[in-house]
Amino acid sequence: MTAATIAGTGLIAWDHIYTPGLDRPLQALGGSCGNVPACLAMLGHRAVPIAAIGQDAAGELIWRAIARAGCTIDLLRRRDDFGSPIVVQHLDPARAAHRFSFHSPETGEAYARWRTIDAAHVEAARATLAAVSVFYTDRLSPAIVSAMAIARNAGALVYFEPDLDWDSDLLERALPAVSILKIADDTPGIAIAQAALAAGSAMTVIRTHGAAGLTLTCSGMERFFPGFRAPRLVDSCGAGDMLTTGLLDRLLRRQPQARPWPAEDIVAGVELGQRLAALNCAFIGARGAFHALGAARIRSGLDHWLDQSFLAQAMAHGPDQGY
């Protein structure tokens, strides 16, 4: 296992995936802060989720899945004053179309939503935050902004990909700590990010354009990366998390002596992440490729740039294999 460490906070959920032809949903760990640290732990990195989940059935499933992935769970807290998030995905694999819901399809009951860590949790995590190589988050709150600042001041790379629900004041407070910002074209905060770049911010920005590809702004360079063709298109859910996983895996394995990471490592990581994202689109679920192929095969594939021979072997596995 590498000495490098990634800590992360944000959405950790339990996914229920409904597909035609199955009489029950596929279930798996989900949420970007569940997917990214879990995948990186499975790839050999020390990953530390800093999060709070409920003392309920979904929380127990999340806890076990994160531990099984190999994450350090010392800072994953169980609480009995709220529930654990459940995300429902309705998927039509034939059309690679999906929609999300936060209600039970059977009862209409609203599932619990994400809850942030608090200041006490950040304080308990201070030593970890001051020692990590990478800090990852997909959500904002005052406590998370504090965690970002602690990690950045200690020299960590802070990777932030905002969801659609955020406070503009919090975003402006958070951006000075951000090393890499990954943001979709339709995210409202993109205007603030562009203003920060115009003002001379040194952060790297990854602007995603859906299936068309992405634009990377890094070290004064702007480069468009066209989308990488999926070997079999079944489910695009989780493609963004796989892009992040491939990029961070590359950076954590490189571990240069000086910071920041060289632009060429970021470029290579983006390209590798796109390949991993395309591979994952051939399987059901946000971490479908990991379920079907296993971490050892994914590790070997990444080490060989997910070449055509690897992809051909991967397509021998069914889209819902491994659940």
C-alpha atoms as a PDB file:
ATOM      1  CA  MET A   1       0.000   0.000   0.000  1.00  0.00           C
ATOM      2  CA  THR A   2       1.247   3.490  -0.795  1.00  0.00           C
ATOM      3  CA  ALA A   3       2.189   5.921   1.950  1.00  0.00           C
ATOM      4  CA  ALA A   4       0.058   8.648   0.403  1.00  0.00           C
ATOM      5  CA  THR A   5      -3.273   9.407   2.045  1.00  0.00           C
ATOM      6  CA  ILE A   6      -6.546  10.824   0.813  1.00  0.00           C
ATOM      7  CA  ALA A   7      -9.178  12.091   3.214  1.00  0.00           C
ATOM      8  CA  GLY A   8     -12.608  13.114   2.067  1.00  0.00           C
ATOM      9  CA  THR A   9     -15.981  14.327   3.192  1.00  0.00           C
ATOM     10  CA  GLY A  10     -19.314  14.839   1.485  1.00  0.00           C
ATOM     11  CA  LEU A  11     -22.127  12.626   0.280  1.00  0.00           C
ATOM     12  CA  ILE A  12     -21.944   8.989   1.319  1.00  0.00           C
ATOM     13  CA  ALA A  13     -25.113   7.080   0.496  1.00  0.00           C
ATOM     14  CA  TRP A  14     -26.585   3.647  -0.058  1.00  0.00           C
ATOM     15  CA  ASP A  15     -27.697   3.213  -3.680  1.00  0.00           C
ATOM     16  CA  HIS A  16     -30.786   1.286  -4.791  1.00  0.00           C
ATOM     17  CA  ILE A  17     -30.629   0.669  -8.556  1.00  0.00           C
ATOM     18  CA  TYR A  18     -33.867  -0.391 -10.256  1.00  0.00           C
ATOM     19  CA  THR A  19     -33.589  -1.902 -13.725  1.00  0.00           C
ATOM     20  CA  PRO A  20     -36.176  -3.624 -15.991  1.00  0.00           C
ATOM     21  CA  GLY A  21     -36.209  -7.395 -15.641  1.00  0.00           C
ATOM     22  CA  LEU A  22     -34.991  -7.518 -12.036  1.00  0.00           C
ATOM     23  CA  ASP A  23     -37.531  -8.065  -9.266  1.00  0.00           C
ATOM     24  CA  ARG A  24     -35.386  -6.309  -6.671  1.00  0.00           C
ATOM     25  CA  PRO A  25     -32.951  -3.383  -6.774  1.00  0.00           C
ATOM     26  CA  LEU A  26     -29.203  -3.806  -7.000  1.00  0.00           C
ATOM     27  CA  GLN A  27     -27.657  -2.253  -3.901  1.00  0.00           C
ATOM     28  CA  ALA A  28     -24.236  -0.725  -3.352  1.00  0.00           C
ATOM     29  CA  LEU A  29     -22.243   1.977  -1.623  1.00  0.00           C
ATOM     30  CA  GLY A  30     -22.734   5.320  -3.383  1.00  0.00           C
ATOM     31  CA  GLY A  31     -22.351   9.058  -3.190  1.00  0.00           C
ATOM     32  CA  SER A  32     -19.181  10.687  -4.481  1.00  0.00           C
ATOM     33  CA  CYS A  33     -17.526  10.636  -1.054  1.00  0.00           C
ATOM     34  CA  GLY A  34     -18.366   6.954  -0.831  1.00  0.00           C
ATOM     35  CA  ASN A  35     -17.263   6.105  -4.360  1.00  0.00           C
ATOM     36  CA  VAL A  36     -13.980   8.008  -4.660  1.00  0.00           C
ATOM     37  CA  PRO A  37     -12.328   7.056  -1.328  1.00  0.00           C
ATOM     38  CA  ALA A  38     -13.570   3.450  -1.611  1.00  0.00           C
ATOM     39  CA  CYS A  39     -12.184   3.052  -5.132  1.00  0.00           C
ATOM     40  CA  LEU A  40      -8.856   4.597  -4.172  1.00  0.00           C
ATOM     41  CA  ALA A  41      -8.607   2.330  -1.124  1.00  0.00           C
ATOM     42  CA  MET A  42      -9.287  -0.682  -3.351  1.00  0.00           C
ATOM     43  CA  LEU A  43      -6.522   0.529  -5.665  1.00  0.00           C
ATOM     44  CA  GLY A  44      -4.005   0.520  -2.808  1.00  0.00           C
ATOM     45  CA  HIS A  45      -4.163   3.972  -1.239  1.00  0.00           C
ATOM     46  CA  ARG A  46      -4.838   4.806   2.395  1.00  0.00           C
ATOM     47  CA  ALA A  47      -8.246   6.487   2.235  1.00  0.00           C
ATOM     48  CA  VAL A  48      -9.942   8.106   5.228  1.00  0.00           C
ATOM     49  CA  PRO A  49     -13.607   9.143   4.936  1.00  0.00           C
ATOM     50  CA  ILE A  50     -14.528  11.909   7.391  1.00  0.00           C
ATOM     51  CA  ALA A  51     -18.302  11.711   7.567  1.00  0.00           C
ATOM     52  CA  ALA A  52     -21.387  11.120   9.674  1.00  0.00           C
ATOM     53  CA  ILE A  53     -23.990   8.477   8.866  1.00  0.00           C
ATOM     54  CA  GLY A  54     -27.032   7.221  10.710  1.00  0.00           C
ATOM     55  CA  GLN A  55     -27.313   4.471  13.284  1.00  0.00           C
ATOM     56  CA  ASP A  56     -29.762   2.662  11.001  1.00  0.00           C
ATOM     57  CA  ALA A  57     -29.901  -0.251   8.566  1.00  0.00           C
ATOM     58  CA  ALA A  58     -28.570   1.796   5.633  1.00  0.00           C
ATOM     59  CA  GLY A  59     -25.799   3.141   7.858  1.00  0.00           C
ATOM     60  CA  GLU A  60     -24.768  -0.393   8.779  1.00  0.00           C
ATOM     61  CA  LEU A  61     -24.580  -1.354   5.100  1.00  0.00           C
ATOM     62  CA  ILE A  62     -22.537   1.775   4.321  1.00  0.00           C
ATOM     63  CA  TRP A  63     -20.197   1.109   7.248  1.00  0.00           C
ATOM     64  CA  ARG A  64     -19.553  -2.469   6.180  1.00  0.00           C
ATOM     65  CA  ALA A  65     -19.016  -1.540   2.514  1.00  0.00           C
ATOM     66  CA  ILE A  66     -16.519   1.195   3.356  1.00  0.00           C
ATOM     67  CA  ALA A  67     -14.612  -1.092   5.712  1.00  0.00           C
ATOM     68  CA  ARG A  68     -14.663  -3.910   3.137  1.00  0.00           C
ATOM     69  CA  ALA A  69     -13.173  -1.557   0.537  1.00  0.00           C
ATOM     70  CA  GLY A  70     -10.184  -1.077   2.828  1.00  0.00           C
ATOM     71  CA  CYS A  71     -10.823   2.482   3.999  1.00  0.00           C
ATOM     72  CA  THR A  72      -9.702   3.640   7.430  1.00  0.00           C
ATOM     73  CA  ILE A  73     -12.967   4.118   9.325  1.00  0.00           C
ATOM     74  CA  ASP A  74     -11.755   5.872  12.507  1.00  0.00           C
ATOM     75  CA  LEU A  75     -13.390   9.151  11.416  1.00  0.00           C
ATOM     76  CA  LEU A  76     -16.606   7.664  10.077  1.00  0.00           C
ATOM     77  CA  ARG A  77     -19.119   8.447  12.817  1.00  0.00           C
ATOM     78  CA  ARG A  78     -22.460   6.756  13.516  1.00  0.00           C
ATOM     79  CA  ARG A  79     -25.190   9.013  14.920  1.00  0.00           C
ATOM     80  CA  ASP A  80     -28.694   8.233  16.135  1.00  0.00           C
ATOM     81  CA  ASP A  81     -30.173  11.716  15.616  1.00  0.00           C
ATOM     82  CA  PHE A  82     -30.521  11.379  11.816  1.00  0.00           C
ATOM     83  CA  GLY A  83     -30.748   8.737   9.110  1.00  0.00           C
ATOM     84  CA  SER A  84     -28.367   7.639   6.378  1.00  0.00           C
ATOM     85  CA  PRO A  85     -28.975   8.838   2.806  1.00  0.00           C
ATOM     86  CA  ILE A  86     -30.473   6.430   0.304  1.00  0.00           C
ATOM     87  CA  VAL A  87     -30.361   7.322  -3.402  1.00  0.00           C
ATOM     88  CA  VAL A  88     -32.710   5.566  -5.827  1.00  0.00           C
ATOM     89  CA  GLN A  89     -31.563   5.210  -9.430  1.00  0.00           C
ATOM     90  CA  HIS A  90     -34.085   4.145 -12.069  1.00  0.00           C
ATOM     91  CA  LEU A  91     -32.021   2.815 -14.973  1.00  0.00           C
ATOM     92  CA  ASP A  92     -32.934   1.699 -18.476  1.00  0.00           C
ATOM     93  CA  PRO A  93     -29.710  -0.046 -19.644  1.00  0.00           C
ATOM     94  CA  ALA A  94     -30.992  -0.433 -23.214  1.00  0.00           C
ATOM     95  CA  ARG A  95     -31.087   3.355 -23.592  1.00  0.00           C
ATOM     96  CA  ALA A  96     -28.387   4.133 -21.018  1.00  0.00           C
ATOM     97  CA  ALA A  97     -30.936   6.482 -19.431  1.00  0.00           C
ATOM     98  CA  HIS A  98     -31.356   7.076 -15.723  1.00  0.00           C
ATOM     99  CA  ARG A  99     -33.074   9.320 -13.234  1.00  0.00           C
ATOM    100  CA  PHE A 100     -32.633   9.731  -9.502  1.00  0.00           C
ATOM    101  CA  SER A 101     -35.088   9.874  -6.634  1.00  0.00           C
ATOM    102  CA  PHE A 102     -34.869  10.264  -2.863  1.00  0.00           C
ATOM    103  CA  HIS A 103     -38.151   8.480  -2.140  1.00  0.00           C
ATOM    104  CA  SER A 104     -39.038   4.821  -1.745  1.00  0.00           C
ATOM    105  CA  PRO A 105     -40.664   3.552  -4.975  1.00  0.00           C
ATOM    106  CA  GLU A 106     -42.763   1.153  -2.903  1.00  0.00           C
ATOM    107  CA  THR A 107     -44.087   3.479  -0.177  1.00  0.00           C
ATOM    108  CA  GLY A 108     -43.315   7.008  -1.350  1.00  0.00           C
ATOM    109  CA  GLU A 109     -41.462   7.608   1.910  1.00  0.00           C
ATOM    110  CA  ALA A 110     -38.818  10.340   1.727  1.00  0.00           C
ATOM    111  CA  TYR A 111     -35.367   8.977   2.510  1.00  0.00           C
ATOM    112  CA  ALA A 112     -32.888  10.804   4.748  1.00  0.00           C
ATOM    113  CA  ARG A 113     -30.702  13.391   3.065  1.00  0.00           C
ATOM    114  CA  TRP A 114     -27.041  14.221   3.514  1.00  0.00           C
ATOM    115  CA  ARG A 115     -25.870  15.811   6.754  1.00  0.00           C
ATOM    116  CA  THR A 116     -22.582  17.670   7.099  1.00  0.00           C
ATOM    117  CA  ILE A 117     -19.845  17.024   9.600  1.00  0.00           C
ATOM    118  CA  ASP A 118     -19.632  19.605  12.385  1.00  0.00           C
ATOM    119  CA  ALA A 119     -16.841  21.661  13.952  1.00  0.00           C
ATOM    120  CA  ALA A 120     -16.161  19.024  16.624  1.00  0.00           C
ATOM    121  CA  HIS A 121     -15.741  16.368  13.928  1.00  0.00           C
ATOM    122  CA  VAL A 122     -13.262  18.592  12.071  1.00  0.00           C
ATOM    123  CA  GLU A 123     -11.289  19.125  15.272  1.00  0.00           C
ATOM    124  CA  ALA A 124     -11.160  15.370  15.846  1.00  0.00           C
ATOM    125  CA  ALA A 125      -9.849  14.992  12.292  1.00  0.00           C
ATOM    126  CA  ARG A 126      -7.291  17.812  12.528  1.00  0.00           C
ATOM    127  CA  ALA A 127      -4.231  15.557  12.754  1.00  0.00           C
ATOM    128  CA  THR A 128      -5.399  13.563   9.736  1.00  0.00           C
ATOM    129  CA  LEU A 129      -6.196  16.705   7.747  1.00  0.00           C
ATOM    130  CA  ALA A 130      -2.723  18.085   8.492  1.00  0.00           C
ATOM    131  CA  ALA A 131      -1.041  14.936   7.168  1.00  0.00           C
ATOM    132  CA  VAL A 132      -2.968  14.051   4.000  1.00  0.00           C
ATOM    133  CA  SER A 133      -1.676  14.365   0.466  1.00  0.00           C
ATOM    134  CA  VAL A 134      -5.164  14.974  -0.954  1.00  0.00           C
ATOM    135  CA  PHE A 135      -8.393  16.251   0.594  1.00  0.00           C
ATOM    136  CA  TYR A 136     -11.564  15.585  -1.401  1.00  0.00           C
ATOM    137  CA  THR A 137     -15.069  16.972  -1.035  1.00  0.00           C
ATOM    138  CA  ASP A 138     -18.232  17.329  -3.097  1.00  0.00           C
ATOM    139  CA  ARG A 139     -20.222  19.399  -0.597  1.00  0.00           C
ATOM    140  CA  LEU A 140     -19.814  22.652   1.351  1.00  0.00           C
ATOM    141  CA  SER A 141     -20.635  23.733   4.873  1.00  0.00           C
ATOM    142  CA  PRO A 142     -18.808  26.003   7.338  1.00  0.00           C
ATOM    143  CA  ALA A 143     -17.158  22.949   8.914  1.00  0.00           C
ATOM    144  CA  ILE A 144     -16.072  21.577   5.528  1.00  0.00           C
ATOM    145  CA  VAL A 145     -14.593  24.936   4.522  1.00  0.00           C
ATOM    146  CA  SER A 146     -12.556  24.812   7.756  1.00  0.00           C
ATOM    147  CA  ALA A 147     -11.380  21.280   6.914  1.00  0.00           C
ATOM    148  CA  MET A 148     -10.353  22.404   3.415  1.00  0.00           C
ATOM    149  CA  ALA A 149      -8.286  25.260   4.888  1.00  0.00           C
ATOM    150  CA  ILE A 150      -6.523  22.974   7.383  1.00  0.00           C
ATOM    151  CA  ALA A 151      -5.559  20.528   4.655  1.00  0.00           C
ATOM    152  CA  ARG A 152      -4.444  23.199   2.182  1.00  0.00           C
ATOM    153  CA  ASN A 153      -2.389  25.062   4.803  1.00  0.00           C
ATOM    154  CA  ALA A 154      -0.594  21.792   5.538  1.00  0.00           C
ATOM    155  CA  GLY A 155       0.319  21.414   1.861  1.00  0.00           C
ATOM    156  CA  ALA A 156      -2.391  19.036   0.652  1.00  0.00           C
ATOM    157  CA  LEU A 157      -4.001  19.127  -2.757  1.00  0.00           C
ATOM    158  CA  VAL A 158      -7.660  20.099  -2.194  1.00  0.00           C
ATOM    159  CA  TYR A 159      -9.994  18.618  -4.797  1.00  0.00           C
ATOM    160  CA  PHE A 160     -13.517  20.034  -4.912  1.00  0.00           C
ATOM    161  CA  GLU A 161     -16.437  19.194  -7.179  1.00  0.00           C
ATOM    162  CA  PRO A 162     -19.553  21.078  -6.069  1.00  0.00           C
ATOM    163  CA  ASP A 163     -23.029  19.667  -6.395  1.00  0.00           C
ATOM    164  CA  LEU A 164     -25.954  21.836  -7.456  1.00  0.00           C
ATOM    165  CA  ASP A 165     -26.935  22.873  -3.922  1.00  0.00           C
ATOM    166  CA  TRP A 166     -24.509  25.334  -2.353  1.00  0.00           C
ATOM    167  CA  ASP A 167     -24.272  28.765  -0.808  1.00  0.00           C
ATOM    168  CA  SER A 168     -22.441  31.382  -2.906  1.00  0.00           C
ATOM    169  CA  ASP A 169     -20.808  32.942   0.170  1.00  0.00           C
ATOM    170  CA  LEU A 170     -19.478  29.542   1.227  1.00  0.00           C
ATOM    171  CA  LEU A 171     -18.197  28.887  -2.289  1.00  0.00           C
ATOM    172  CA  GLU A 172     -16.298  32.169  -2.336  1.00  0.00           C
ATOM    173  CA  ARG A 173     -14.779  31.328   1.061  1.00  0.00           C
ATOM    174  CA  ALA A 174     -13.824  27.842  -0.112  1.00  0.00           C
ATOM    175  CA  LEU A 175     -12.210  28.675  -3.461  1.00  0.00           C
ATOM    176  CA  PRO A 176      -8.921  30.078  -2.065  1.00  0.00           C
ATOM    177  CA  ALA A 177      -8.221  26.640  -0.565  1.00  0.00           C
ATOM    178  CA  VAL A 178      -9.045  24.727  -3.757  1.00  0.00           C
ATOM    179  CA  SER A 179      -6.233  23.202  -5.814  1.00  0.00           C
ATOM    180  CA  ILE A 180      -8.403  21.399  -8.391  1.00  0.00           C
ATOM    181  CA  LEU A 181     -11.995  22.401  -9.092  1.00  0.00           C
ATOM    182  CA  LYS A 182     -14.087  19.985 -11.169  1.00  0.00           C
ATOM    183  CA  ILE A 183     -17.291  21.627 -12.319  1.00  0.00           C
ATOM    184  CA  ALA A 184     -19.932  20.877 -14.924  1.00  0.00           C
ATOM    185  CA  ASP A 185     -21.070  23.407 -17.503  1.00  0.00           C
ATOM    186  CA  ASP A 186     -24.557  23.501 -15.998  1.00  0.00           C
ATOM    187  CA  THR A 187     -23.382  24.111 -12.417  1.00  0.00           C
ATOM    188  CA  PRO A 188     -24.381  27.620 -11.258  1.00  0.00           C
ATOM    189  CA  GLY A 189     -21.040  28.153  -9.526  1.00  0.00           C
ATOM    190  CA  ILE A 190     -19.125  28.047 -12.791  1.00  0.00           C
ATOM    191  CA  ALA A 191     -19.400  31.841 -13.079  1.00  0.00           C
ATOM    192  CA  ILE A 192     -17.673  32.271  -9.709  1.00  0.00           C
ATOM    193  CA  ALA A 193     -14.966  29.819 -10.745  1.00  0.00           C
ATOM    194  CA  GLN A 194     -14.359  31.692 -13.993  1.00  0.00           C
ATOM    195  CA  ALA A 195     -14.158  34.971 -12.077  1.00  0.00           C
ATOM    196  CA  ALA A 196     -11.563  33.432  -9.753  1.00  0.00           C
ATOM    197  CA  LEU A 197      -9.484  32.345 -12.746  1.00  0.00           C
ATOM    198  CA  ALA A 198      -9.788  35.788 -14.313  1.00  0.00           C
ATOM    199  CA  ALA A 199      -8.548  37.296 -11.053  1.00  0.00           C
ATOM    200  CA  GLY A 200      -5.390  35.212 -11.254  1.00  0.00           C
ATOM    201  CA  SER A 201      -6.228  32.149  -9.162  1.00  0.00           C
ATOM    202  CA  ALA A 202      -3.666  29.374  -9.568  1.00  0.00           C
ATOM    203  CA  MET A 203      -6.182  26.579  -9.140  1.00  0.00           C
ATOM    204  CA  THR A 204      -6.652  23.946 -11.809  1.00  0.00           C
ATOM    205  CA  VAL A 205     -10.164  23.831 -13.270  1.00  0.00           C
ATOM    206  CA  ILE A 206     -11.742  20.832 -14.977  1.00  0.00           C
ATOM    207  CA  ARG A 207     -14.919  21.848 -16.821  1.00  0.00           C
ATOM    208  CA  THR A 208     -16.925  18.817 -17.898  1.00  0.00           C
ATOM    209  CA  HIS A 209     -19.148  18.936 -20.977  1.00  0.00           C
ATOM    210  CA  GLY A 210     -21.016  15.641 -20.613  1.00  0.00           C
ATOM    211  CA  ALA A 211     -20.318  13.065 -23.308  1.00  0.00           C
ATOM    212  CA  ALA A 212     -18.530  15.703 -25.421  1.00  0.00           C
ATOM    213  CA  GLY A 213     -15.497  15.726 -23.127  1.00  0.00           C
ATOM    214  CA  LEU A 214     -13.899  18.290 -20.839  1.00  0.00           C
ATOM    215  CA  THR A 215     -11.698  21.380 -20.774  1.00  0.00           C
ATOM    216  CA  LEU A 216      -8.680  21.561 -18.482  1.00  0.00           C
ATOM    217  CA  THR A 217      -7.240  24.898 -17.349  1.00  0.00           C
ATOM    218  CA  CYS A 218      -3.898  24.331 -15.645  1.00  0.00           C
ATOM    219  CA  SER A 219      -0.680  26.317 -15.233  1.00  0.00           C
ATOM    220  CA  GLY A 220      -1.749  28.937 -17.774  1.00  0.00           C
ATOM    221  CA  MET A 221      -2.736  26.281 -20.317  1.00  0.00           C
ATOM    222  CA  GLU A 222      -6.247  25.525 -21.561  1.00  0.00           C
ATOM    223  CA  ARG A 223      -6.823  22.234 -23.360  1.00  0.00           C
ATOM    224  CA  PHE A 224      -9.918  20.421 -24.591  1.00  0.00           C
ATOM    225  CA  PHE A 225     -10.086  16.637 -24.138  1.00  0.00           C
ATOM    226  CA  PRO A 226     -12.736  14.975 -26.329  1.00  0.00           C
ATOM    227  CA  GLY A 227     -14.887  12.306 -24.711  1.00  0.00           C
ATOM    228  CA  PHE A 228     -13.495   8.777 -24.663  1.00  0.00           C
ATOM    229  CA  ARG A 229     -15.812   6.237 -26.289  1.00  0.00           C
ATOM    230  CA  ALA A 230     -17.343   3.674 -23.925  1.00  0.00           C
ATOM    231  CA  PRO A 231     -16.717   0.063 -25.017  1.00  0.00           C
ATOM    232  CA  ARG A 232     -20.374  -0.632 -24.180  1.00  0.00           C
ATOM    233  CA  LEU A 233     -22.811   2.078 -23.095  1.00  0.00           C
ATOM    234  CA  VAL A 234     -25.076   0.898 -20.281  1.00  0.00           C
ATOM    235  CA  ASP A 235     -24.992   3.437 -17.447  1.00  0.00           C
ATOM    236  CA  SER A 236     -23.193   6.792 -17.265  1.00  0.00           C
ATOM    237  CA  CYS A 237     -23.881   7.146 -13.530  1.00  0.00           C
ATOM    238  CA  GLY A 238     -20.575   7.436 -11.703  1.00  0.00           C
ATOM    239  CA  ALA A 239     -18.564   8.524 -14.746  1.00  0.00           C
ATOM    240  CA  GLY A 240     -17.544  11.735 -12.976  1.00  0.00           C
ATOM    241  CA  ASP A 241     -16.411   9.812  -9.902  1.00  0.00           C
ATOM    242  CA  MET A 242     -14.339   7.489 -12.076  1.00  0.00           C
ATOM    243  CA  LEU A 243     -12.709  10.479 -13.779  1.00  0.00           C
ATOM    244  CA  THR A 244     -11.761  11.767 -10.338  1.00  0.00           C
ATOM    245  CA  THR A 245     -10.581   8.323  -9.220  1.00  0.00           C
ATOM    246  CA  GLY A 246      -8.309   7.879 -12.224  1.00  0.00           C
ATOM    247  CA  LEU A 247      -6.838  11.348 -11.874  1.00  0.00           C
ATOM    248  CA  LEU A 248      -6.210  11.091  -8.131  1.00  0.00           C
ATOM    249  CA  ASP A 249      -4.801   7.573  -8.455  1.00  0.00           C
ATOM    250  CA  ARG A 250      -2.265   8.882 -10.948  1.00  0.00           C
ATOM    251  CA  LEU A 251      -1.308  11.829  -8.734  1.00  0.00           C
ATOM    252  CA  LEU A 252      -1.055   9.773  -5.548  1.00  0.00           C
ATOM    253  CA  ARG A 253       1.155   7.187  -7.219  1.00  0.00           C
ATOM    254  CA  ARG A 254       3.456   9.853  -8.628  1.00  0.00           C
ATOM    255  CA  GLN A 255       3.986  11.752  -5.344  1.00  0.00           C
ATOM    256  CA  PRO A 256       6.537  14.387  -6.485  1.00  0.00           C
ATOM    257  CA  GLN A 257       8.852  15.822  -3.875  1.00  0.00           C
ATOM    258  CA  ALA A 258       7.720  19.368  -4.620  1.00  0.00           C
ATOM    259  CA  ARG A 259       4.210  20.743  -4.748  1.00  0.00           C
ATOM    260  CA  PRO A 260       2.148  21.400  -6.723  1.00  0.00           C
ATOM    261  CA  TRP A 261       2.036  18.337  -8.950  1.00  0.00           C
ATOM    262  CA  PRO A 262       3.465  19.061 -12.415  1.00  0.00           C
ATOM    263  CA  ALA A 263       0.943  19.911 -15.129  1.00  0.00           C
ATOM    264  CA  GLU A 264       2.007  16.863 -17.136  1.00  0.00           C
ATOM    265  CA  ASP A 265       0.909  14.585 -14.287  1.00  0.00           C
ATOM    266  CA  ILE A 266      -2.481  16.277 -14.164  1.00  0.00           C
ATOM    267  CA  VAL A 267      -2.866  15.943 -17.947  1.00  0.00           C
ATOM    268  CA  ALA A 268      -1.960  12.248 -17.805  1.00  0.00           C
ATOM    269  CA  GLY A 269      -4.316  11.744 -14.859  1.00  0.00           C
ATOM    270  CA  VAL A 270      -7.206  13.383 -16.716  1.00  0.00           C
ATOM    271  CA  GLU A 271      -6.645  11.139 -19.734  1.00  0.00           C
ATOM    272  CA  LEU A 272      -6.487   8.038 -17.544  1.00  0.00           C
ATOM    273  CA  GLY A 273      -9.566   9.147 -15.631  1.00  0.00           C
ATOM    274  CA  GLN A 274     -11.505   9.557 -18.887  1.00  0.00           C
ATOM    275  CA  ARG A 275     -10.589   6.004 -19.862  1.00  0.00           C
ATOM    276  CA  LEU A 276     -11.733   4.670 -16.487  1.00  0.00           C
ATOM    277  CA  ALA A 277     -14.975   6.647 -16.739  1.00  0.00           C
ATOM    278  CA  ALA A 278     -15.665   5.201 -20.198  1.00  0.00           C
ATOM    279  CA  LEU A 279     -14.993   1.685 -18.926  1.00  0.00           C
ATOM    280  CA  ASN A 280     -17.393   2.170 -16.021  1.00  0.00           C
ATOM    281  CA  CYS A 281     -20.162   3.201 -18.428  1.00  0.00           C
ATOM    282  CA  ALA A 282     -20.156  -0.419 -19.636  1.00  0.00           C
ATOM    283  CA  PHE A 283     -21.444  -1.603 -16.247  1.00  0.00           C
ATOM    284  CA  ILE A 284     -24.399  -0.860 -14.010  1.00  0.00           C
ATOM    285  CA  GLY A 285     -23.853   1.431 -11.044  1.00  0.00           C
ATOM    286  CA  ALA A 286     -21.468   4.156  -9.982  1.00  0.00           C
ATOM    287  CA  ARG A 287     -18.706   1.611  -9.273  1.00  0.00           C
ATOM    288  CA  GLY A 288     -19.956  -1.065 -11.651  1.00  0.00           C
ATOM    289  CA  ALA A 289     -16.555  -1.798 -13.182  1.00  0.00           C
ATOM    290  CA  PHE A 290     -15.099  -2.469  -9.728  1.00  0.00           C
ATOM    291  CA  HIS A 291     -17.994  -4.823  -8.907  1.00  0.00           C
ATOM    292  CA  ALA A 292     -17.664  -6.757 -12.163  1.00  0.00           C
ATOM    293  CA  LEU A 293     -13.902  -6.878 -12.631  1.00  0.00           C
ATOM    294  CA  GLY A 294     -12.526  -6.581  -9.105  1.00  0.00           C
ATOM    295  CA  ALA A 295      -9.955  -4.135  -7.799  1.00  0.00           C
ATOM    296  CA  ALA A 296      -6.917  -6.237  -8.783  1.00  0.00           C
ATOM    297  CA  ARG A 297      -7.928  -6.249 -12.463  1.00  0.00           C
ATOM    298  CA  ILE A 298      -8.700  -2.524 -12.401  1.00  0.00           C
ATOM    299  CA  ARG A 299      -5.302  -1.859 -10.765  1.00  0.00           C
ATOM    300  CA  SER A 300      -3.536  -3.881 -13.459  1.00  0.00           C
ATOM    301  CA  GLY A 301      -5.573  -2.168 -16.173  1.00  0.00           C
ATOM    302  CA  LEU A 302      -4.704   1.315 -14.933  1.00  0.00           C
ATOM    303  CA  ASP A 303      -1.031   0.350 -14.790  1.00  0.00           C
ATOM    304  CA  HIS A 304      -1.302  -0.580 -18.484  1.00  0.00           C
ATOM    305  CA  TRP A 305      -3.343   2.473 -19.438  1.00  0.00           C
ATOM    306  CA  LEU A 306      -6.586   0.466 -19.844  1.00  0.00           C
ATOM    307  CA  ASP A 307      -5.444  -0.639 -23.282  1.00  0.00           C
ATOM    308  CA  GLN A 308      -7.533  -2.364 -25.925  1.00  0.00           C
ATOM    309  CA  SER A 309      -6.627  -5.891 -24.820  1.00  0.00           C
ATOM    310  CA  PHE A 310      -7.797  -5.050 -21.285  1.00  0.00           C
ATOM    311  CA  LEU A 311     -11.056  -3.582 -22.579  1.00  0.00           C
ATOM    312  CA  ALA A 312     -11.715  -6.648 -24.749  1.00  0.00           C
ATOM    313  CA  GLN A 313     -11.306  -8.928 -21.719  1.00  0.00           C
ATOM    314  CA  ALA A 314     -13.471  -6.624 -19.585  1.00  0.00           C
ATOM    315  CA  MET A 315     -16.379  -6.887 -22.024  1.00  0.00           C
ATOM    316  CA  ALA A 316     -16.615 -10.613 -21.287  1.00  0.00           C
ATOM    317  CA  HIS A 317     -18.167  -9.609 -17.955  1.00  0.00           C
ATOM    318  CA  GLY A 318     -21.885  -8.845 -17.780  1.00  0.00           C
ATOM    319  CA  PRO A 319     -23.137  -5.328 -17.025  1.00  0.00           C
ATOM    320  CA  ASP A 320     -24.565  -6.305 -13.617  1.00  0.00           C
ATOM    321  CA  GLN A 321     -21.923  -8.863 -12.652  1.00  0.00           C
ATOM    322  CA  GLY A 322     -20.570  -8.721  -9.125  1.00  0.00           C
ATOM    323  CA  TYR A 323     -23.641  -7.531  -7.233  1.00  0.00           C
END
